[in-house]
């Protein structure tokens, strides 16, 4: 494990000398620490334990996990190597069931593996594909940022929830990428970030990276969203997404739904930014499994208990925001507007 100083551009995960290097997000904001992973089981643990989190970067991390799996494999035949990859895929897919990018990335790797003619060709193509996914993620975010920034005006104060920034992607970010792009285009924008209990991705991660980039940010408790909107402190809202259905239903960090509801109440535009890899065109809203996380995230902060022992806890990681609360969905191919079933279909037809 090594500790590195701040750089101008945070890279959340990368492939270096046949190892996966990632920022340990559980240590932020106290330490900017990088972990070195050498097998896919370590990648699976990193995803499960939120060392790495955020739908786009989970997808890339999963692909890198598959790249480590081909390196680990002692298979001598294509069939045996495919079996080893299927085993790795099954372990990686179970780590976070709600974010669809992980399944997308793992399936893409399997398609590439099946096309290979022999073991050495499969190994090379899997590693090359994973590295290409990481590079494309950054380009996608920058394109999406440019498209989305046109929806924001000079002197806007933008609320965001959870962390949909560089730390949720390989670099640059989805929702925060839009904010970065607005600032880079010369607009004076400010951000209000929710702390995002129970794991505080807003206070630990979003505030960390916005301050790192010199963007004006104020932190509020989750309970102050209504207050901020009612008192005219917010012009627009932008969030990321872990899964978007063809109907425009958005699954994102728990608390997103109530922010969207309040934004509607106060006439504040509510935008979602996510790449096309976050879309699930097959599932219906009732099909999506909402990940339930451990009680200790809610009953304490770190080692400090904040609730009595044996307290019953409901701790969903995500909620669903219905399409009627969403002003627009920003992607790298353009902005989808209501009615979403129609506009989302067009984005994919143009892809």
Foldseek 3Di string as FASTA:
>chain_A
DDFDDDDLWDFAWAQDPQWIKGFQLLCFPVTRDIDIHQALVVLLVCLLVPRAAAQAALLLSLLSNLLSQLVPDPDFWLVSSLVSLVVSLVSNCPRAQFQQSNVLSSVVLSVLSVPDDTSVRSSVSSVVSSNVSQVVQVVFQLLLLQQLLVVDAAAFEEEEEADQALRNGSTCGWQNVVVVSNVVVPGQYAYEYELQPLSRNRPGPVVSVCVSNVHHYHYDHLVCLLVCLVVPVHQAYEYEAREAELQGKTKDFPSPQVSLVSCVVSVHAYEYTYEPSRYDHPDDPVVRDFDWDDPCSPQADVPGGPHDPPDDDTGTGIDIHGRVSHQWYGGSQHIAGPSRNVRSVVSVVVD
